[in-house]
Protein backbone atom coordinates (compact mmCIF):
# COMPACT_ATOMS: atom_id res chain seq x y z
CA UNK A 1 149.67 99.19 17.70
CA UNK A 2 148.43 95.73 18.60
CA UNK A 3 144.78 94.97 18.30
CA UNK A 4 143.16 93.31 21.24
CA UNK A 5 140.06 91.23 21.64
CA UNK A 6 137.38 93.42 23.17
CA UNK A 7 135.68 90.31 24.50
CA UNK A 8 138.77 89.27 26.46
CA UNK A 9 138.51 88.35 30.11
CA UNK A 10 138.35 91.72 31.88
CA UNK A 11 140.26 90.37 34.81
CA UNK A 12 143.75 89.48 33.79
CA UNK A 13 146.24 87.37 35.76
CA UNK A 14 147.42 90.41 37.72
CA UNK A 15 143.90 91.31 38.90
CA UNK A 16 142.47 89.45 41.89
CA UNK A 17 138.92 90.71 41.80
CA UNK A 18 137.03 89.59 44.93
CA UNK A 19 140.15 88.19 46.58
CA UNK A 20 142.30 89.93 49.16
CA UNK A 21 145.98 89.22 49.59
CA UNK A 22 145.09 88.01 53.08
CA UNK A 23 141.96 86.45 54.42
CA UNK A 24 139.32 89.20 54.88
CA UNK A 25 138.21 89.73 58.51
CA UNK A 26 134.71 88.94 59.70
CA UNK A 27 132.14 91.59 58.91
CA UNK A 28 133.77 92.58 55.63
CA UNK A 29 131.22 91.14 53.23
CA UNK A 30 129.37 94.41 52.80
CA UNK A 31 132.61 96.33 52.20
CA UNK A 32 133.67 93.72 49.68
CA UNK A 33 130.39 94.36 47.84
CA UNK A 34 131.15 98.08 47.96
CA UNK A 35 134.55 97.51 46.35
CA UNK A 36 132.97 95.42 43.62
CA UNK A 37 130.36 98.07 42.90
CA UNK A 38 133.00 100.78 42.77
CA UNK A 39 135.09 98.69 40.36
CA UNK A 40 132.08 98.21 38.10
CA UNK A 41 131.22 101.90 38.35
CA UNK A 42 134.73 102.94 37.24
CA UNK A 43 134.36 100.82 34.06
CA UNK A 44 138.16 100.53 33.81
CA UNK A 45 138.22 98.26 30.74
CA UNK A 46 136.21 100.56 28.47
CA UNK A 47 137.98 103.69 29.58
CA UNK A 48 141.40 102.04 29.23
CA UNK A 49 140.53 101.02 25.65
CA UNK A 50 139.53 104.61 24.87
CA UNK A 51 142.74 105.92 26.41
CA UNK A 52 144.86 103.44 24.47
CA UNK A 53 143.21 104.35 21.16
CA UNK A 54 143.85 108.03 21.84
CA UNK A 55 147.51 107.32 22.64
CA UNK A 56 147.24 107.95 26.34
CA UNK A 57 149.30 108.04 28.38
CA UNK A 58 151.88 109.77 26.26
CA UNK A 59 155.35 108.28 26.29
CA UNK A 60 156.97 111.53 27.34
CA UNK A 61 154.52 112.18 30.23
CA UNK A 62 155.28 110.98 33.75
CA UNK A 63 151.97 112.19 35.11
CA UNK A 64 149.16 109.66 35.57
CA UNK A 65 146.17 110.02 33.33
CA UNK A 66 142.80 111.27 34.44
CA UNK A 67 141.52 107.68 34.54
CA UNK A 68 144.40 106.52 36.73
CA UNK A 69 143.89 109.41 39.13
CA UNK A 70 140.19 108.66 39.29
CA UNK A 71 140.83 104.98 40.03
CA UNK A 72 143.17 105.82 42.94
CA UNK A 73 140.90 108.59 44.22
CA UNK A 74 137.77 106.43 44.19
CA UNK A 75 139.27 103.72 46.37
CA UNK A 76 140.99 106.27 48.60
CA UNK A 77 137.60 107.90 49.15
CA UNK A 78 136.18 104.54 50.18
CA UNK A 79 139.00 104.15 52.69
CA UNK A 80 138.27 107.64 54.06
CA UNK A 81 134.58 106.82 54.47
CA UNK A 82 135.57 103.70 56.38
CA UNK A 83 137.81 105.83 58.60
CA UNK A 84 134.98 108.23 59.40
CA UNK A 85 132.65 105.34 60.19
CA UNK A 86 135.25 103.76 62.47
CA UNK A 87 135.88 107.14 64.15
CA UNK A 88 132.20 107.48 64.99
CA UNK A 89 132.16 104.00 66.47
CA UNK A 90 135.25 104.76 68.55
CA UNK A 91 133.67 108.01 69.80
CA UNK A 92 130.56 106.11 70.90
CA UNK A 93 132.71 103.50 72.65
CA UNK A 94 134.63 106.28 74.44
CA UNK A 95 131.36 107.91 75.51
CA UNK A 96 130.09 104.62 76.98
CA UNK A 97 133.39 104.05 78.74
CA UNK A 98 133.32 107.56 80.23
CA UNK A 99 129.79 106.94 81.51
CA UNK A 100 131.00 103.72 83.13
CA UNK A 101 133.76 105.59 84.88
CA UNK A 102 131.34 108.19 86.25
CA UNK A 103 128.62 105.75 87.37
CA UNK A 104 130.65 104.26 90.24
CA UNK A 105 132.83 106.79 92.05
CA UNK A 106 134.57 106.88 95.40
CA UNK A 107 131.60 108.85 96.73
CA UNK A 108 129.13 106.03 95.97
CA UNK A 109 128.89 104.88 99.59
CA UNK A 110 128.65 108.39 101.01
CA UNK A 111 125.84 109.18 98.58
CA UNK A 112 123.95 106.11 99.82
CA UNK A 113 124.32 107.04 103.48
CA UNK A 114 123.37 110.67 102.77
CA UNK A 115 120.24 109.55 100.93
CA UNK A 116 119.38 107.17 103.77
CA UNK A 117 119.83 109.95 106.34
CA UNK A 118 117.44 112.15 104.37
CA UNK A 119 114.81 109.41 104.10
CA UNK A 120 115.02 108.58 107.81
CA UNK A 121 114.86 112.26 108.73
CA UNK A 122 111.65 112.66 106.71
CA UNK A 123 110.13 109.67 108.49
CA UNK A 124 111.03 111.08 111.90
CA UNK A 125 109.63 114.49 110.98
CA UNK A 126 106.35 113.22 109.52
CA UNK A 127 105.48 110.78 112.31
CA UNK A 128 104.60 113.37 115.04
CA UNK A 129 102.60 115.37 112.50
CA UNK A 130 100.57 112.38 111.33
CA UNK A 131 100.23 110.88 114.81
CA UNK A 132 99.16 114.00 116.74
CA UNK A 133 95.39 113.85 116.12
CA UNK A 134 95.01 110.03 116.22
CA UNK A 135 97.00 109.98 119.46
CA UNK A 136 94.76 112.69 120.99
CA UNK A 137 91.67 110.78 119.94
CA UNK A 138 93.02 107.58 121.44
CA UNK A 139 94.06 109.23 124.72
CA UNK A 140 90.74 111.05 125.06
CA UNK A 141 88.77 107.90 124.33
CA UNK A 142 90.83 106.03 126.92
CA UNK A 143 90.17 108.76 129.48
CA UNK A 144 86.47 108.77 128.62
CA UNK A 145 86.34 105.02 129.14
CA UNK A 146 88.09 105.20 132.50
CA UNK A 147 85.88 108.08 133.61
CA UNK A 148 82.73 106.22 132.55
CA UNK A 149 83.80 103.09 134.41
CA UNK A 150 84.59 105.16 137.50
CA UNK A 151 81.35 107.16 137.44
CA UNK A 152 79.15 104.12 136.83
CA UNK A 153 80.97 101.61 139.05
CA UNK A 154 81.86 99.39 136.09
CA UNK A 155 84.49 96.93 137.21
CA UNK A 156 84.60 94.81 134.08
CA UNK A 157 83.14 95.29 130.64
CA UNK A 158 79.52 94.06 130.57
CA UNK A 159 78.18 91.88 127.80
CA UNK A 160 75.07 91.83 125.66
CA UNK A 161 73.43 89.89 128.50
CA UNK A 162 72.52 93.30 129.96
CA UNK A 163 70.35 94.09 126.94
CA UNK A 164 68.77 90.63 127.01
CA UNK A 165 67.98 91.04 130.70
CA UNK A 166 66.30 94.38 130.05
CA UNK A 167 64.21 92.94 127.22
CA UNK A 168 63.14 89.92 129.29
CA UNK A 169 62.41 92.07 132.33
CA UNK A 170 60.38 94.54 130.28
CA UNK A 171 58.35 91.80 128.59
CA UNK A 172 57.82 89.88 131.86
CA UNK A 173 56.77 93.04 133.66
CA UNK A 174 54.26 93.87 130.94
CA UNK A 175 52.80 90.33 131.15
CA UNK A 176 52.57 90.32 134.97
CA UNK A 177 50.97 93.75 135.01
CA UNK A 178 48.51 92.60 132.33
CA UNK A 179 47.53 89.58 134.44
CA UNK A 180 47.17 91.71 137.56
CA UNK A 181 45.30 94.55 135.86
CA UNK A 182 42.99 92.05 134.19
CA UNK A 183 41.21 91.66 137.58
CA UNK A 184 40.13 95.33 137.39
CA UNK A 185 38.26 94.82 134.12
CA UNK A 186 36.96 91.26 134.52
CA UNK A 187 33.46 92.32 135.67
CA UNK A 188 32.86 94.59 132.69
CA UNK A 189 35.01 92.94 129.96
CA UNK A 190 35.56 89.44 131.24
CA UNK A 191 38.88 88.23 132.59
CA UNK A 192 40.76 87.35 129.39
CA UNK A 193 39.48 90.29 127.36
CA UNK A 194 40.40 92.40 130.41
CA UNK A 195 43.89 90.85 130.36
CA UNK A 196 44.29 91.75 126.69
CA UNK A 197 43.28 95.35 127.38
CA UNK A 198 45.56 95.42 130.41
CA UNK A 199 48.48 94.12 128.30
CA UNK A 200 48.21 97.21 126.13
CA UNK A 201 48.23 99.27 129.33
CA UNK A 202 51.31 97.35 130.54
CA UNK A 203 53.15 98.01 127.27
CA UNK A 204 52.57 101.72 127.78
CA UNK A 205 53.95 101.46 131.31
CA UNK A 206 57.05 99.61 129.94
CA UNK A 207 57.68 102.44 127.49
CA UNK A 208 57.37 105.01 130.29
CA UNK A 209 59.78 102.98 132.44
CA UNK A 210 62.29 102.74 129.59
CA UNK A 211 62.36 106.50 129.04
CA UNK A 212 62.64 107.02 132.79
CA UNK A 213 65.69 104.72 132.83
CA UNK A 214 67.29 106.57 129.91
CA UNK A 215 66.79 109.91 131.65
CA UNK A 216 68.21 108.55 134.91
CA UNK A 217 71.27 107.14 133.07
CA UNK A 218 72.07 110.59 131.65
CA UNK A 219 72.37 112.01 135.15
CA UNK A 220 75.57 109.94 135.59
CA UNK A 221 77.27 111.41 132.53
CA UNK A 222 79.88 114.18 132.80
CA UNK A 223 78.53 116.28 129.96
CA UNK A 224 76.33 119.10 131.18
CA UNK A 225 73.98 118.91 128.21
CA UNK A 226 73.34 115.24 128.93
CA UNK A 227 72.63 115.92 132.59
CA UNK A 228 70.12 118.62 131.63
CA UNK A 229 68.55 116.40 128.98
CA UNK A 230 68.37 113.47 131.40
CA UNK A 231 66.78 115.54 134.16
CA UNK A 232 64.17 116.91 131.77
CA UNK A 233 63.40 113.46 130.35
CA UNK A 234 63.14 111.96 133.84
CA UNK A 235 60.77 114.72 135.01
CA UNK A 236 58.56 114.29 131.96
CA UNK A 237 58.39 110.49 132.27
CA UNK A 238 57.65 110.64 136.05
CA UNK A 239 54.82 113.07 135.42
CA UNK A 240 53.59 111.05 132.46
CA UNK A 241 53.73 107.83 134.49
CA UNK A 242 51.81 109.29 137.39
CA UNK A 243 49.13 110.73 135.10
CA UNK A 244 48.99 107.47 133.13
CA UNK A 245 48.43 105.34 136.23
CA UNK A 246 46.01 107.83 137.75
CA UNK A 247 44.14 108.09 134.48
CA UNK A 248 43.87 104.29 134.36
CA UNK A 249 42.41 104.21 137.88
CA UNK A 250 39.98 107.02 137.07
CA UNK A 251 38.91 105.23 133.90
CA UNK A 252 38.21 102.03 135.87
CA UNK A 253 36.31 103.92 138.58
CA UNK A 254 34.31 105.80 135.94
CA UNK A 255 33.23 102.52 134.37
CA UNK A 256 31.46 101.68 137.69
CA UNK A 257 30.30 105.09 138.98
CA UNK A 258 29.64 106.82 135.62
CA UNK A 259 32.40 109.39 136.34
CA UNK A 260 30.66 111.06 139.31
CA UNK A 261 33.55 110.72 141.70
CA UNK A 262 36.09 112.16 139.26
CA UNK A 263 34.12 115.37 139.05
CA UNK A 264 34.38 116.11 142.78
CA UNK A 265 37.05 118.32 144.36
CA UNK A 266 40.04 116.13 145.26
CA UNK A 267 38.47 113.30 143.29
CA UNK A 268 41.77 111.95 141.90
CA UNK A 269 43.28 111.07 145.27
CA UNK A 270 39.95 109.68 146.49
CA UNK A 271 39.74 107.60 143.33
CA UNK A 272 43.17 106.06 143.90
CA UNK A 273 42.23 105.17 147.50
CA UNK A 274 38.72 103.91 146.66
CA UNK A 275 37.53 100.66 145.18
CA UNK A 276 35.71 99.87 141.95
CA UNK A 277 33.14 97.12 141.86
CA UNK A 278 34.40 95.89 145.21
CA UNK A 279 38.02 95.76 144.02
CA UNK A 280 40.43 98.21 145.78
CA UNK A 281 42.50 100.28 143.31
CA UNK A 282 45.56 101.15 145.46
CA UNK A 283 47.27 97.70 145.26
CA UNK A 284 47.02 97.79 141.47
CA UNK A 285 48.42 101.34 141.40
CA UNK A 286 51.38 100.20 143.48
CA UNK A 287 51.94 97.15 141.23
CA UNK A 288 52.03 99.39 138.16
CA UNK A 289 54.46 101.79 139.85
CA UNK A 290 56.69 98.85 140.79
CA UNK A 291 56.69 97.64 137.18
CA UNK A 292 57.72 101.08 135.93
CA UNK A 293 60.54 101.21 138.50
CA UNK A 294 61.83 97.74 137.56
CA UNK A 295 61.82 98.51 133.83
CA UNK A 296 63.53 101.87 134.47
CA UNK A 297 66.18 100.18 136.63
CA UNK A 298 67.03 97.68 133.91
CA UNK A 299 66.95 100.42 131.26
CA UNK A 300 69.61 102.36 133.18
CA UNK A 301 72.03 99.45 132.87
CA UNK A 302 71.09 98.73 129.25
CA UNK A 303 71.61 102.22 127.90
CA UNK A 304 74.70 102.63 130.05
CA UNK A 305 75.99 99.48 128.33
CA UNK A 306 75.29 101.02 124.93
CA UNK A 307 77.18 104.18 125.93
CA UNK A 308 80.06 102.06 127.18
CA UNK A 309 80.23 100.11 123.94
CA UNK A 310 80.23 103.36 121.97
CA UNK A 311 83.26 104.56 123.94
CA UNK A 312 85.02 101.21 123.56
CA UNK A 313 84.33 101.25 119.81
CA UNK A 314 85.76 104.76 119.49
CA UNK A 315 88.79 103.70 121.52
CA UNK A 316 89.35 100.67 119.28
CA UNK A 317 89.07 102.75 116.10
CA UNK A 318 91.49 105.38 117.30
CA UNK A 319 93.89 102.71 118.58
CA UNK A 320 93.86 100.95 115.21
CA UNK A 321 94.54 104.20 113.37
CA UNK A 322 97.32 105.10 115.81
CA UNK A 323 98.87 101.65 115.50
CA UNK A 324 98.66 101.78 111.70
CA UNK A 325 100.50 105.11 111.53
CA UNK A 326 103.16 103.84 113.93
CA UNK A 327 103.56 100.63 111.92
CA UNK A 328 103.83 102.59 108.68
CA UNK A 329 106.64 104.70 110.16
CA UNK A 330 108.56 101.62 111.31
CA UNK A 331 107.94 99.91 107.97
CA UNK A 332 109.19 102.95 106.06
CA UNK A 333 112.35 103.04 108.19
CA UNK A 334 112.91 99.32 107.61
CA UNK A 335 112.32 99.72 103.87
CA UNK A 336 114.84 102.58 103.75
CA UNK A 337 117.36 100.41 105.62
CA UNK A 338 116.92 97.46 103.28
CA UNK A 339 117.14 99.69 100.20
CA UNK A 340 120.34 101.30 101.47
CA UNK A 341 121.87 97.88 102.22
CA UNK A 342 120.93 96.65 98.77
CA UNK A 343 122.40 99.76 97.11
CA UNK A 344 125.62 99.44 99.11
CA UNK A 345 126.00 95.74 98.35
CA UNK A 346 125.47 96.46 94.66
CA UNK A 347 128.33 99.00 94.52
CA UNK A 348 131.18 96.44 94.23
CA UNK A 349 129.04 94.27 91.97
CA UNK A 350 128.25 97.21 89.71
CA UNK A 351 131.92 98.25 89.70
CA UNK A 352 132.96 94.75 88.66
CA UNK A 353 130.25 94.70 86.00
CA UNK A 354 131.42 98.10 84.74
CA UNK A 355 135.02 96.91 84.67
CA UNK A 356 134.02 93.86 82.66
CA UNK A 357 132.02 96.03 80.31
CA UNK A 358 134.99 98.40 80.02
CA UNK A 359 137.22 95.53 78.98
CA UNK A 360 134.58 94.51 76.47
CA UNK A 361 134.46 98.05 75.09
CA UNK A 362 138.23 98.07 74.92
CA UNK A 363 138.12 94.89 72.85
CA UNK A 364 135.42 96.36 70.63
CA UNK A 365 137.56 99.44 70.02
CA UNK A 366 140.50 97.25 69.01
CA UNK A 367 138.25 95.32 66.64
CA UNK A 368 137.00 98.56 65.07
CA UNK A 369 140.56 99.73 64.42
CA UNK A 370 141.58 96.34 63.11
CA UNK A 371 138.59 96.19 60.77
CA UNK A 372 139.27 99.71 59.49
CA UNK A 373 142.92 98.91 58.79
CA UNK A 374 141.90 95.78 56.89
CA UNK A 375 139.34 97.70 54.84
CA UNK A 376 141.77 100.54 54.12
CA UNK A 377 144.47 98.09 53.07
CA UNK A 378 141.98 96.29 50.83
CA UNK A 379 140.93 99.60 49.23
CA UNK A 380 144.60 100.44 48.57
CA UNK A 381 145.16 97.01 47.01
CA UNK A 382 142.11 97.37 44.78
CA UNK A 383 143.42 100.77 43.67
CA UNK A 384 146.74 99.17 42.72
CA UNK A 385 144.95 96.34 40.91
CA UNK A 386 142.84 98.90 39.06
CA UNK A 387 145.89 100.76 37.82
CA UNK A 388 147.60 97.49 36.79
CA UNK A 389 144.46 96.47 34.92
CA UNK A 390 144.39 99.88 33.21
CA UNK A 391 148.07 99.44 32.13
CA UNK A 392 147.39 95.94 30.88
CA UNK A 393 144.55 97.15 28.66
CA UNK A 394 146.36 100.18 27.21
CA UNK A 395 149.58 98.22 26.54
CA UNK A 396 147.50 95.56 24.82
CA UNK A 397 146.19 98.22 22.48
CA UNK A 398 149.50 100.05 22.01
CA UNK A 399 152.55 97.81 22.61
CA UNK A 400 154.81 100.83 22.51
CA UNK A 401 153.41 101.86 25.87
CA UNK A 402 154.98 98.77 27.42
CA UNK A 403 158.27 100.65 27.33
CA UNK A 404 156.73 103.60 29.16
CA UNK A 405 159.13 104.64 31.87
CA UNK A 406 156.30 104.92 34.41
CA UNK A 407 155.04 101.41 33.65
CA UNK A 408 158.44 99.83 34.43
CA UNK A 409 157.67 99.76 38.14
CA UNK A 410 154.41 98.82 39.84
CA UNK A 411 152.08 101.55 41.12
CA UNK A 412 152.46 102.47 44.76
CA UNK A 413 149.40 102.02 46.98
CA UNK A 414 148.11 105.09 48.76
CA UNK A 415 148.78 105.42 52.48
CA UNK A 416 145.50 105.20 54.47
CA UNK A 417 144.94 107.71 57.27
CA UNK A 418 145.96 106.41 60.68
CA UNK A 419 143.33 105.57 63.28
CA UNK A 420 143.94 104.71 66.92
CA UNK A 421 141.97 103.99 70.08
CA UNK A 422 141.39 106.88 72.46
CA UNK A 423 144.05 106.50 75.19
CA UNK A 424 141.47 107.57 77.79
CA UNK A 425 139.71 104.25 77.21
CA UNK A 426 142.71 102.43 78.64
CA UNK A 427 142.85 104.85 81.56
CA UNK A 428 139.16 104.42 82.33
CA UNK A 429 139.19 100.63 82.21
CA UNK A 430 142.31 100.44 84.34
CA UNK A 431 140.78 102.89 86.80
CA UNK A 432 137.66 100.75 87.09
CA UNK A 433 139.75 97.67 87.82
CA UNK A 434 141.85 99.49 90.39
CA UNK A 435 138.78 100.86 92.21
CA UNK A 436 137.17 97.49 92.95
CA UNK A 437 139.35 96.34 95.91
CA UNK A 438 138.80 99.61 97.75
CA UNK A 439 135.05 99.45 97.21
CA UNK A 440 134.91 95.93 98.55
CA UNK A 441 136.92 96.94 101.58
CA UNK A 442 134.62 99.89 102.31
CA UNK A 443 131.43 97.83 102.08
CA UNK A 444 131.42 96.44 105.62
CA UNK A 445 131.90 99.82 107.38
CA UNK A 446 129.15 101.27 105.21
CA UNK A 447 126.75 98.49 106.17
CA UNK A 448 127.50 99.12 109.86
CA UNK A 449 126.78 102.81 109.34
CA UNK A 450 123.46 101.97 107.70
CA UNK A 451 122.43 99.63 110.53
CA UNK A 452 123.40 102.18 113.16
CA UNK A 453 121.41 104.93 111.44
CA UNK A 454 118.33 102.73 111.10
CA UNK A 455 118.50 101.59 114.74
CA UNK A 456 118.86 105.18 115.93
CA UNK A 457 115.86 106.22 113.87
CA UNK A 458 113.69 103.41 115.27
CA UNK A 459 114.67 104.46 118.78
CA UNK A 460 113.78 108.07 118.02
CA UNK A 461 110.46 106.92 116.60
CA UNK A 462 109.69 105.17 119.89
CA UNK A 463 110.62 108.32 121.78
CA UNK A 464 108.46 110.43 119.46
CA UNK A 465 105.48 108.14 120.06
CA UNK A 466 105.94 108.34 123.83
CA UNK A 467 106.31 112.12 123.68
CA UNK A 468 103.23 112.43 121.50
CA UNK A 469 101.22 110.38 123.99
CA UNK A 470 102.51 112.44 126.91
CA UNK A 471 101.52 115.67 125.16
CA UNK A 472 98.07 114.29 124.36
CA UNK A 473 97.50 113.31 128.01
CA UNK A 474 98.28 116.84 129.18
CA UNK A 475 95.66 118.41 126.91
CA UNK A 476 92.56 117.75 129.01
CA UNK A 477 90.64 115.05 130.78
CA UNK A 478 88.91 113.77 127.69
CA UNK A 479 87.04 114.69 124.58
CA UNK A 480 83.74 115.04 126.41
CA UNK A 481 81.97 113.42 123.47
CA UNK A 482 80.78 110.02 124.66
CA UNK A 483 77.85 109.80 122.24
CA UNK A 484 77.74 111.73 118.96
CA UNK A 485 75.62 111.52 115.85
CA UNK A 486 78.35 112.76 113.50
CA UNK A 487 81.93 111.46 113.54
CA UNK A 488 84.86 113.46 112.27
CA UNK A 489 86.63 112.10 109.20
CA UNK A 490 89.88 111.75 111.16
CA UNK A 491 88.23 109.29 113.54
CA UNK A 492 86.77 106.99 110.88
């Protein structure tokens, strides 16, 4: 037996530790580290020395030793782990490729048109439902406006000048009546103090005239409750005006005659026809009545103007709401059309993108197989190198083992398990490529179908709006609510 130096280089000339017989592929650094760790873990040098000292392997045995079997098994296990890892990667690639094949099918265009038809149908169905009440409100407000203009002889819409005229007329009437009535009280109060007192009287007459005008204006409205309210208000203001003027005359007469005449039977009429302090009362009574009539006349137009503006405001609100709902329906139809066009135009693009991605996946699958084969081959080579190193150590300890029949020929590397790409990957990628020309050819007819469906829907929307208006106009002459204190939420 030949003694060997235990401090000898553990890697003899036959062992290429860290070097492959061919250039290692990219991404193999971590596997190379794994091989190195496994080599160190096997501790071949020490175990070979122990085997050589114990006379193993025996010259008459053709079976490999436990150490040799462990060396081959360790690197074969590494190759199997690499195969399982590569198999999982190939399964994931196949799954992605299958998803690509299912994402763009021959039914892609029909699915788009079916979805568009459903969206447009919902728009057509919802429009009459949403438009019914706003359309009724708009039609009724329009009828109310026309009826008001007809009943009140309004040819064109008046302006705020009507209100200004009423205010100026009322103020001017109060001033003129104050100046005229000041003559009645000039003997007792003086002229200007009498004018000041008479101005207060004139303001009261202006208020009476205003309420009389409001009551008269209600008589021209079509609502029964407003006619009754107007008649009652007019009767009350006429009676109040007469009593107010008569009371003013009696008060003036009483200032001169100490109230004796007012106590006589029929004294009120006699008072109105008599004179006070040499000043006849009847002309002043007539002037006051004229002022009340003028203020009432202007008040009729003013409060009619306010009623008219209320109707016009309600008409404008309902028209805006109606127009907004109609615009929303058209906008929704247009949005559905644009979305369908975009989806259809993206079909060939997505198919081409999927085909490109399929080719990329196909290349990745080939790289996975290639990398596995390189790793498996490397593991087999390291197993062979391990056995050669083991033989070198044991023959260095026992030179008789150099004539061992099993050592006369090199160890055979193990055969790694085969690994191949799923053939369906090729089928899927080829199918994606073959589908693109047909999809491009079908794009133009699909776009025409989309445009036709959208145009038909817009036409049906116009017909639905016209039908909704026709139905609203057959449901009565108007809302009958020209002036209300509370507005429904749907009309806001």
